[in-house]
Amino acid sequence: MLLYLDQNYASRMAKHLLGQKGHEAFGRLFRALKGKALAPPSPFHVLETLHPVRGPEEKAGYLLPALQEVFAALSDGYWVRPWEEIAWRQARGLYREDFLWRGGSWEAPADLSPFHGLLEGLPPLPERALEAWVREEIRRRTGLKEVPFVRLLARLVARSRKDPTRRPRPSDLLDFVMAATVHPYVDLLLTDHYLKNLLQERAVGGRKKEVEALARSLEGE
């Protein structure tokens, strides 16, 4: 089983390893995943760990040793390729060898610069028209064809505007690019409740009952 642990899951597993309270369900899931799932780190983890978009700057990187321990146990040495490489390779189809490699590094964060300002510059359009607008804007910025990465990123951005009461967060852009990169390849994306609802399939939220249910299912195998 190929899984992706978003930063919420990975960091809470790391915090459990450090002995911090309140993350016991994630510790249980971490133990249940060993030997039963492949969960590689990605350049998004590097970006969120070493260059966080929120939180005190002095805490940047403090979880790195524990995160490295988490992924050493779950990744078999694999990494997720940079989003640019994955998206360009999708022109020939979806293949896991285009998704996973052993060339990753905790010194190489994801580059989101092609998408800076994207969420702030959205026109006030109905969802379907907005999705089409975002697809074209992504293609203009990146030079990509209409590959799964482009389609999913546009869909997530458009869906995120359906709820006018939710205030956009600084981490939204990273979350959407991450999901567009990994979701077409993984069996499950373990993420927060909001992104799970946007994706609507093959995703598990980070609420305690969801984490514990997944751990039980793995323990019962």
C-alpha atoms as a PDB file:
ATOM      1  CA  MET A   1       0.000   0.000   0.000  1.00  0.00           C
ATOM      2  CA  LEU A   2       1.371   3.384  -1.011  1.00  0.00           C
ATOM      3  CA  LEU A   3       0.415   6.197   1.375  1.00  0.00           C
ATOM      4  CA  TYR A   4       1.255   9.852   1.683  1.00  0.00           C
ATOM      5  CA  LEU A   5       1.435  11.431   5.121  1.00  0.00           C
ATOM      6  CA  ASP A   6       0.844  15.152   4.896  1.00  0.00           C
ATOM      7  CA  GLN A   7       2.676  17.435   7.309  1.00  0.00           C
ATOM      8  CA  ASN A   8      -0.099  17.182   9.896  1.00  0.00           C
ATOM      9  CA  TYR A   9       0.220  13.404  10.098  1.00  0.00           C
ATOM     10  CA  ALA A  10       4.017  13.266   9.817  1.00  0.00           C
ATOM     11  CA  SER A  11       4.652  16.002  12.380  1.00  0.00           C
ATOM     12  CA  ARG A  12       2.233  14.522  14.902  1.00  0.00           C
ATOM     13  CA  MET A  13       3.937  11.137  14.574  1.00  0.00           C
ATOM     14  CA  ALA A  14       7.250  12.916  15.120  1.00  0.00           C
ATOM     15  CA  LYS A  15       5.873  14.739  18.162  1.00  0.00           C
ATOM     16  CA  HIS A  16       4.723  11.414  19.604  1.00  0.00           C
ATOM     17  CA  LEU A  17       8.250  10.042  19.187  1.00  0.00           C
ATOM     18  CA  LEU A  18       9.514  13.096  21.076  1.00  0.00           C
ATOM     19  CA  GLY A  19       7.189  12.246  23.960  1.00  0.00           C
ATOM     20  CA  GLN A  20       4.783  15.131  23.478  1.00  0.00           C
ATOM     21  CA  LYS A  21       1.277  14.482  24.790  1.00  0.00           C
ATOM     22  CA  GLY A  22      -1.898  14.447  22.689  1.00  0.00           C
ATOM     23  CA  HIS A  23      -0.557  12.536  19.698  1.00  0.00           C
ATOM     24  CA  GLU A  24      -1.093   8.963  20.884  1.00  0.00           C
ATOM     25  CA  ALA A  25      -3.439   8.026  18.014  1.00  0.00           C
ATOM     26  CA  PHE A  26      -0.780   9.056  15.506  1.00  0.00           C
ATOM     27  CA  GLY A  27       1.813   7.030  17.386  1.00  0.00           C
ATOM     28  CA  ARG A  28      -0.460   4.005  17.207  1.00  0.00           C
ATOM     29  CA  LEU A  29      -0.903   4.514  13.464  1.00  0.00           C
ATOM     30  CA  PHE A  30       2.850   4.886  12.995  1.00  0.00           C
ATOM     31  CA  ARG A  31       3.424   1.500  14.614  1.00  0.00           C
ATOM     32  CA  ALA A  32       0.613  -0.078  12.573  1.00  0.00           C
ATOM     33  CA  LEU A  33       2.055   1.221   9.292  1.00  0.00           C
ATOM     34  CA  LYS A  34       5.463  -0.382   9.787  1.00  0.00           C
ATOM     35  CA  GLY A  35       5.908  -3.250   7.385  1.00  0.00           C
ATOM     36  CA  LYS A  36       2.471  -2.762   5.842  1.00  0.00           C
ATOM     37  CA  ALA A  37       2.710   0.483   3.887  1.00  0.00           C
ATOM     38  CA  LEU A  38       5.189   2.599   1.992  1.00  0.00           C
ATOM     39  CA  ALA A  39       5.049   6.277   2.971  1.00  0.00           C
ATOM     40  CA  PRO A  40       7.811   8.385   1.388  1.00  0.00           C
ATOM     41  CA  PRO A  41       8.804  11.934   2.312  1.00  0.00           C
ATOM     42  CA  SER A  42       8.598  14.702  -0.265  1.00  0.00           C
ATOM     43  CA  PRO A  43      10.007  18.161  -1.001  1.00  0.00           C
ATOM     44  CA  PHE A  44       6.783  19.498   0.532  1.00  0.00           C
ATOM     45  CA  HIS A  45       7.794  18.013   3.902  1.00  0.00           C
ATOM     46  CA  VAL A  46      11.170  19.726   3.565  1.00  0.00           C
ATOM     47  CA  LEU A  47       9.515  23.059   2.802  1.00  0.00           C
ATOM     48  CA  GLU A  48       7.052  22.821   5.689  1.00  0.00           C
ATOM     49  CA  THR A  49       9.677  21.619   8.158  1.00  0.00           C
ATOM     50  CA  LEU A  50      12.525  23.995   7.354  1.00  0.00           C
ATOM     51  CA  HIS A  51      10.677  26.956   5.790  1.00  0.00           C
ATOM     52  CA  PRO A  52       7.217  27.005   7.429  1.00  0.00           C
ATOM     53  CA  VAL A  53       4.696  29.542   6.180  1.00  0.00           C
ATOM     54  CA  ARG A  54       3.339  29.964   9.696  1.00  0.00           C
ATOM     55  CA  GLY A  55       4.522  29.431  13.235  1.00  0.00           C
ATOM     56  CA  PRO A  56       7.496  30.881  15.121  1.00  0.00           C
ATOM     57  CA  GLU A  57      10.601  31.092  12.952  1.00  0.00           C
ATOM     58  CA  GLU A  58      12.839  29.912  15.783  1.00  0.00           C
ATOM     59  CA  LYS A  59      11.032  26.556  15.767  1.00  0.00           C
ATOM     60  CA  ALA A  60      11.746  25.875  12.091  1.00  0.00           C
ATOM     61  CA  GLY A  61      13.460  22.522  11.765  1.00  0.00           C
ATOM     62  CA  TYR A  62      13.133  21.384  15.370  1.00  0.00           C
ATOM     63  CA  LEU A  63      11.134  18.326  14.282  1.00  0.00           C
ATOM     64  CA  LEU A  64      13.601  17.325  11.570  1.00  0.00           C
ATOM     65  CA  PRO A  65      15.405  14.513  13.475  1.00  0.00           C
ATOM     66  CA  ALA A  66      12.116  12.948  14.564  1.00  0.00           C
ATOM     67  CA  LEU A  67      10.628  13.295  11.067  1.00  0.00           C
ATOM     68  CA  GLN A  68      13.687  11.601   9.627  1.00  0.00           C
ATOM     69  CA  GLU A  69      13.099   8.760  12.085  1.00  0.00           C
ATOM     70  CA  VAL A  70       9.447   8.471  11.001  1.00  0.00           C
ATOM     71  CA  PHE A  71      10.268   8.285   7.312  1.00  0.00           C
ATOM     72  CA  ALA A  72      13.299   6.037   7.786  1.00  0.00           C
ATOM     73  CA  ALA A  73      10.848   3.477   9.189  1.00  0.00           C
ATOM     74  CA  LEU A  74       8.192   3.916   6.488  1.00  0.00           C
ATOM     75  CA  SER A  75       9.840   4.922   3.194  1.00  0.00           C
ATOM     76  CA  ASP A  76      12.314   2.134   2.342  1.00  0.00           C
ATOM     77  CA  GLY A  77      14.590   4.942   1.162  1.00  0.00           C
ATOM     78  CA  TYR A  78      12.141   6.296  -1.428  1.00  0.00           C
ATOM     79  CA  TRP A  79      11.193   9.936  -1.924  1.00  0.00           C
ATOM     80  CA  VAL A  80       8.480  11.673  -3.897  1.00  0.00           C
ATOM     81  CA  ARG A  81      10.010  13.440  -6.894  1.00  0.00           C
ATOM     82  CA  PRO A  82       9.657  17.247  -7.179  1.00  0.00           C
ATOM     83  CA  TRP A  83       6.232  18.256  -8.452  1.00  0.00           C
ATOM     84  CA  GLU A  84       7.712  19.717 -11.652  1.00  0.00           C
ATOM     85  CA  GLU A  85       9.266  16.394 -12.680  1.00  0.00           C
ATOM     86  CA  ILE A  86       6.108  14.448 -11.886  1.00  0.00           C
ATOM     87  CA  ALA A  87       3.829  16.827 -13.785  1.00  0.00           C
ATOM     88  CA  TRP A  88       6.010  16.892 -16.892  1.00  0.00           C
ATOM     89  CA  ARG A  89       6.223  13.082 -16.950  1.00  0.00           C
ATOM     90  CA  GLN A  90       2.429  12.792 -16.795  1.00  0.00           C
ATOM     91  CA  ALA A  91       2.230  13.684 -20.478  1.00  0.00           C
ATOM     92  CA  ARG A  92       2.989   9.998 -21.151  1.00  0.00           C
ATOM     93  CA  GLY A  93       0.664   8.596 -18.474  1.00  0.00           C
ATOM     94  CA  LEU A  94       0.639   7.845 -14.743  1.00  0.00           C
ATOM     95  CA  TYR A  95       3.477   5.562 -13.655  1.00  0.00           C
ATOM     96  CA  ARG A  96       4.748   5.120 -10.128  1.00  0.00           C
ATOM     97  CA  GLU A  97       8.346   5.109 -11.337  1.00  0.00           C
ATOM     98  CA  ASP A  98       7.724   8.721 -12.364  1.00  0.00           C
ATOM     99  CA  PHE A  99       6.487   9.447  -8.844  1.00  0.00           C
ATOM    100  CA  LEU A 100       9.038   7.703  -6.611  1.00  0.00           C
ATOM    101  CA  TRP A 101      12.818   7.895  -6.662  1.00  0.00           C
ATOM    102  CA  ARG A 102      15.797   7.641  -4.322  1.00  0.00           C
ATOM    103  CA  GLY A 103      17.273  11.036  -5.142  1.00  0.00           C
ATOM    104  CA  GLY A 104      15.445  13.154  -2.578  1.00  0.00           C
ATOM    105  CA  SER A 105      17.120  15.187   0.140  1.00  0.00           C
ATOM    106  CA  TRP A 106      16.179  17.072   3.297  1.00  0.00           C
ATOM    107  CA  GLU A 107      18.041  20.004   1.768  1.00  0.00           C
ATOM    108  CA  ALA A 108      15.762  20.347  -1.301  1.00  0.00           C
ATOM    109  CA  PRO A 109      12.408  22.039  -0.531  1.00  0.00           C
ATOM    110  CA  ALA A 110       9.510  22.291  -2.973  1.00  0.00           C
ATOM    111  CA  ASP A 111       9.501  25.392  -5.168  1.00  0.00           C
ATOM    112  CA  LEU A 112       6.071  27.013  -5.226  1.00  0.00           C
ATOM    113  CA  SER A 113       7.186  30.229  -6.926  1.00  0.00           C
ATOM    114  CA  PRO A 114       5.291  29.538 -10.201  1.00  0.00           C
ATOM    115  CA  PHE A 115       2.046  29.707  -8.228  1.00  0.00           C
ATOM    116  CA  HIS A 116       2.696  32.764  -6.071  1.00  0.00           C
ATOM    117  CA  GLY A 117      -0.331  35.054  -6.087  1.00  0.00           C
ATOM    118  CA  LEU A 118      -2.565  32.485  -7.787  1.00  0.00           C
ATOM    119  CA  LEU A 119      -5.111  32.252  -4.972  1.00  0.00           C
ATOM    120  CA  GLU A 120      -5.178  35.996  -4.419  1.00  0.00           C
ATOM    121  CA  GLY A 121      -5.891  36.756  -8.082  1.00  0.00           C
ATOM    122  CA  LEU A 122      -8.893  34.511  -8.690  1.00  0.00           C
ATOM    123  CA  PRO A 123     -11.767  36.102 -10.638  1.00  0.00           C
ATOM    124  CA  PRO A 124     -15.325  35.943  -9.221  1.00  0.00           C
ATOM    125  CA  LEU A 125     -16.642  33.142 -11.454  1.00  0.00           C
ATOM    126  CA  PRO A 126     -18.966  30.155 -10.923  1.00  0.00           C
ATOM    127  CA  GLU A 127     -17.128  26.980  -9.900  1.00  0.00           C
ATOM    128  CA  ARG A 128     -16.951  25.308 -13.318  1.00  0.00           C
ATOM    129  CA  ALA A 129     -15.857  28.503 -15.086  1.00  0.00           C
ATOM    130  CA  LEU A 130     -13.334  29.214 -12.333  1.00  0.00           C
ATOM    131  CA  GLU A 131     -11.865  25.726 -12.684  1.00  0.00           C
ATOM    132  CA  ALA A 132     -11.371  26.287 -16.421  1.00  0.00           C
ATOM    133  CA  TRP A 133      -9.784  29.696 -15.754  1.00  0.00           C
ATOM    134  CA  VAL A 134      -7.359  28.199 -13.202  1.00  0.00           C
ATOM    135  CA  ARG A 135      -6.395  25.382 -15.590  1.00  0.00           C
ATOM    136  CA  GLU A 136      -5.415  27.894 -18.229  1.00  0.00           C
ATOM    137  CA  GLU A 137      -3.577  30.059 -15.722  1.00  0.00           C
ATOM    138  CA  ILE A 138      -1.545  27.084 -14.471  1.00  0.00           C
ATOM    139  CA  ARG A 139      -0.683  26.091 -18.026  1.00  0.00           C
ATOM    140  CA  ARG A 140       0.345  29.676 -18.813  1.00  0.00           C
ATOM    141  CA  ARG A 141       2.579  29.866 -15.739  1.00  0.00           C
ATOM    142  CA  THR A 142       4.206  26.430 -16.060  1.00  0.00           C
ATOM    143  CA  GLY A 143       4.052  25.492 -19.736  1.00  0.00           C
ATOM    144  CA  LEU A 144       2.446  22.180 -18.777  1.00  0.00           C
ATOM    145  CA  LYS A 145      -0.126  20.408 -20.904  1.00  0.00           C
ATOM    146  CA  GLU A 146      -3.504  19.548 -19.378  1.00  0.00           C
ATOM    147  CA  VAL A 147      -2.132  16.644 -17.345  1.00  0.00           C
ATOM    148  CA  PRO A 148      -3.711  15.209 -14.154  1.00  0.00           C
ATOM    149  CA  PHE A 149      -1.648  17.568 -11.978  1.00  0.00           C
ATOM    150  CA  VAL A 150      -3.085  20.624 -13.743  1.00  0.00           C
ATOM    151  CA  ARG A 151      -6.658  19.332 -13.683  1.00  0.00           C
ATOM    152  CA  LEU A 152      -6.609  18.364 -10.005  1.00  0.00           C
ATOM    153  CA  LEU A 153      -4.937  21.563  -8.861  1.00  0.00           C
ATOM    154  CA  ALA A 154      -7.516  23.621 -10.744  1.00  0.00           C
ATOM    155  CA  ARG A 155     -10.360  21.532  -9.298  1.00  0.00           C
ATOM    156  CA  LEU A 156      -9.112  21.967  -5.727  1.00  0.00           C
ATOM    157  CA  VAL A 157      -8.672  25.710  -6.117  1.00  0.00           C
ATOM    158  CA  ALA A 158     -12.173  26.078  -7.578  1.00  0.00           C
ATOM    159  CA  ARG A 159     -13.787  23.872  -4.911  1.00  0.00           C
ATOM    160  CA  SER A 160     -12.035  25.818  -2.170  1.00  0.00           C
ATOM    161  CA  ARG A 161     -14.046  28.900  -3.116  1.00  0.00           C
ATOM    162  CA  LYS A 162     -17.438  27.212  -2.635  1.00  0.00           C
ATOM    163  CA  ASP A 163     -17.587  28.120   1.055  1.00  0.00           C
ATOM    164  CA  PRO A 164     -17.585  31.929   1.352  1.00  0.00           C
ATOM    165  CA  THR A 165     -17.447  31.712   5.161  1.00  0.00           C
ATOM    166  CA  ARG A 166     -14.042  30.028   5.247  1.00  0.00           C
ATOM    167  CA  ARG A 167     -11.092  32.382   5.364  1.00  0.00           C
ATOM    168  CA  PRO A 168      -8.168  31.302   3.131  1.00  0.00           C
ATOM    169  CA  ARG A 169      -5.057  30.197   5.000  1.00  0.00           C
ATOM    170  CA  PRO A 170      -1.390  30.828   4.139  1.00  0.00           C
ATOM    171  CA  SER A 171      -0.882  27.059   3.829  1.00  0.00           C
ATOM    172  CA  ASP A 172      -3.689  26.519   1.280  1.00  0.00           C
ATOM    173  CA  LEU A 173      -1.498  26.902  -1.810  1.00  0.00           C
ATOM    174  CA  LEU A 174       1.059  24.393  -0.537  1.00  0.00           C
ATOM    175  CA  ASP A 175      -1.681  21.930   0.411  1.00  0.00           C
ATOM    176  CA  PHE A 176      -3.322  22.156  -3.011  1.00  0.00           C
ATOM    177  CA  VAL A 177      -0.059  21.730  -4.954  1.00  0.00           C
ATOM    178  CA  MET A 178       0.935  18.825  -2.695  1.00  0.00           C
ATOM    179  CA  ALA A 179      -2.408  17.060  -3.195  1.00  0.00           C
ATOM    180  CA  ALA A 180      -2.337  17.610  -6.965  1.00  0.00           C
ATOM    181  CA  THR A 181       1.126  16.046  -7.021  1.00  0.00           C
ATOM    182  CA  VAL A 182       0.584  12.943  -4.903  1.00  0.00           C
ATOM    183  CA  HIS A 183      -3.118  12.062  -5.021  1.00  0.00           C
ATOM    184  CA  PRO A 184      -3.137  10.524  -8.537  1.00  0.00           C
ATOM    185  CA  TYR A 185      -0.544   7.943  -7.421  1.00  0.00           C
ATOM    186  CA  VAL A 186      -1.268   6.939  -3.840  1.00  0.00           C
ATOM    187  CA  ASP A 187      -3.756   4.480  -2.423  1.00  0.00           C
ATOM    188  CA  LEU A 188      -4.523   6.890   0.416  1.00  0.00           C
ATOM    189  CA  LEU A 189      -3.616  10.490   1.199  1.00  0.00           C
ATOM    190  CA  LEU A 190      -3.631  11.079   4.951  1.00  0.00           C
ATOM    191  CA  THR A 191      -4.381  14.757   5.464  1.00  0.00           C
ATOM    192  CA  ASP A 192      -6.585  17.185   7.361  1.00  0.00           C
ATOM    193  CA  HIS A 193     -10.386  17.180   7.347  1.00  0.00           C
ATOM    194  CA  TYR A 194     -10.683  20.154   5.001  1.00  0.00           C
ATOM    195  CA  LEU A 195      -8.472  18.780   2.240  1.00  0.00           C
ATOM    196  CA  LYS A 196     -10.043  15.335   2.610  1.00  0.00           C
ATOM    197  CA  ASN A 197     -13.447  16.851   1.852  1.00  0.00           C
ATOM    198  CA  LEU A 198     -12.108  18.712  -1.179  1.00  0.00           C
ATOM    199  CA  LEU A 199     -10.578  15.542  -2.602  1.00  0.00           C
ATOM    200  CA  GLN A 200     -13.687  13.429  -1.859  1.00  0.00           C
ATOM    201  CA  GLU A 201     -11.969  10.073  -2.458  1.00  0.00           C
ATOM    202  CA  ARG A 202      -8.875   8.095  -1.410  1.00  0.00           C
ATOM    203  CA  ALA A 203      -8.230  10.471   1.484  1.00  0.00           C
ATOM    204  CA  VAL A 204      -8.377  10.141   5.277  1.00  0.00           C
ATOM    205  CA  GLY A 205      -8.798  13.118   7.586  1.00  0.00           C
ATOM    206  CA  GLY A 206      -6.774  13.803  10.699  1.00  0.00           C
ATOM    207  CA  ARG A 207      -9.497  13.579  13.318  1.00  0.00           C
ATOM    208  CA  LYS A 208      -8.779  11.152  16.148  1.00  0.00           C
ATOM    209  CA  LYS A 209     -11.559   8.729  15.229  1.00  0.00           C
ATOM    210  CA  GLU A 210     -10.345   8.552  11.609  1.00  0.00           C
ATOM    211  CA  VAL A 211      -6.732   7.977  12.651  1.00  0.00           C
ATOM    212  CA  GLU A 212      -7.707   5.266  15.113  1.00  0.00           C
ATOM    213  CA  ALA A 213     -10.007   3.566  12.574  1.00  0.00           C
ATOM    214  CA  LEU A 214      -7.180   3.366  10.037  1.00  0.00           C
ATOM    215  CA  ALA A 215      -4.804   2.012  12.690  1.00  0.00           C
ATOM    216  CA  ARG A 216      -7.317  -0.683  13.662  1.00  0.00           C
ATOM    217  CA  SER A 217      -7.806  -1.728  10.055  1.00  0.00           C
ATOM    218  CA  LEU A 218      -4.050  -2.151   9.616  1.00  0.00           C
ATOM    219  CA  GLU A 219      -3.648  -3.988  12.920  1.00  0.00           C
ATOM    220  CA  GLY A 220      -6.378  -6.424  11.842  1.00  0.00           C
ATOM    221  CA  GLU A 221      -4.655  -7.387   8.583  1.00  0.00           C
END
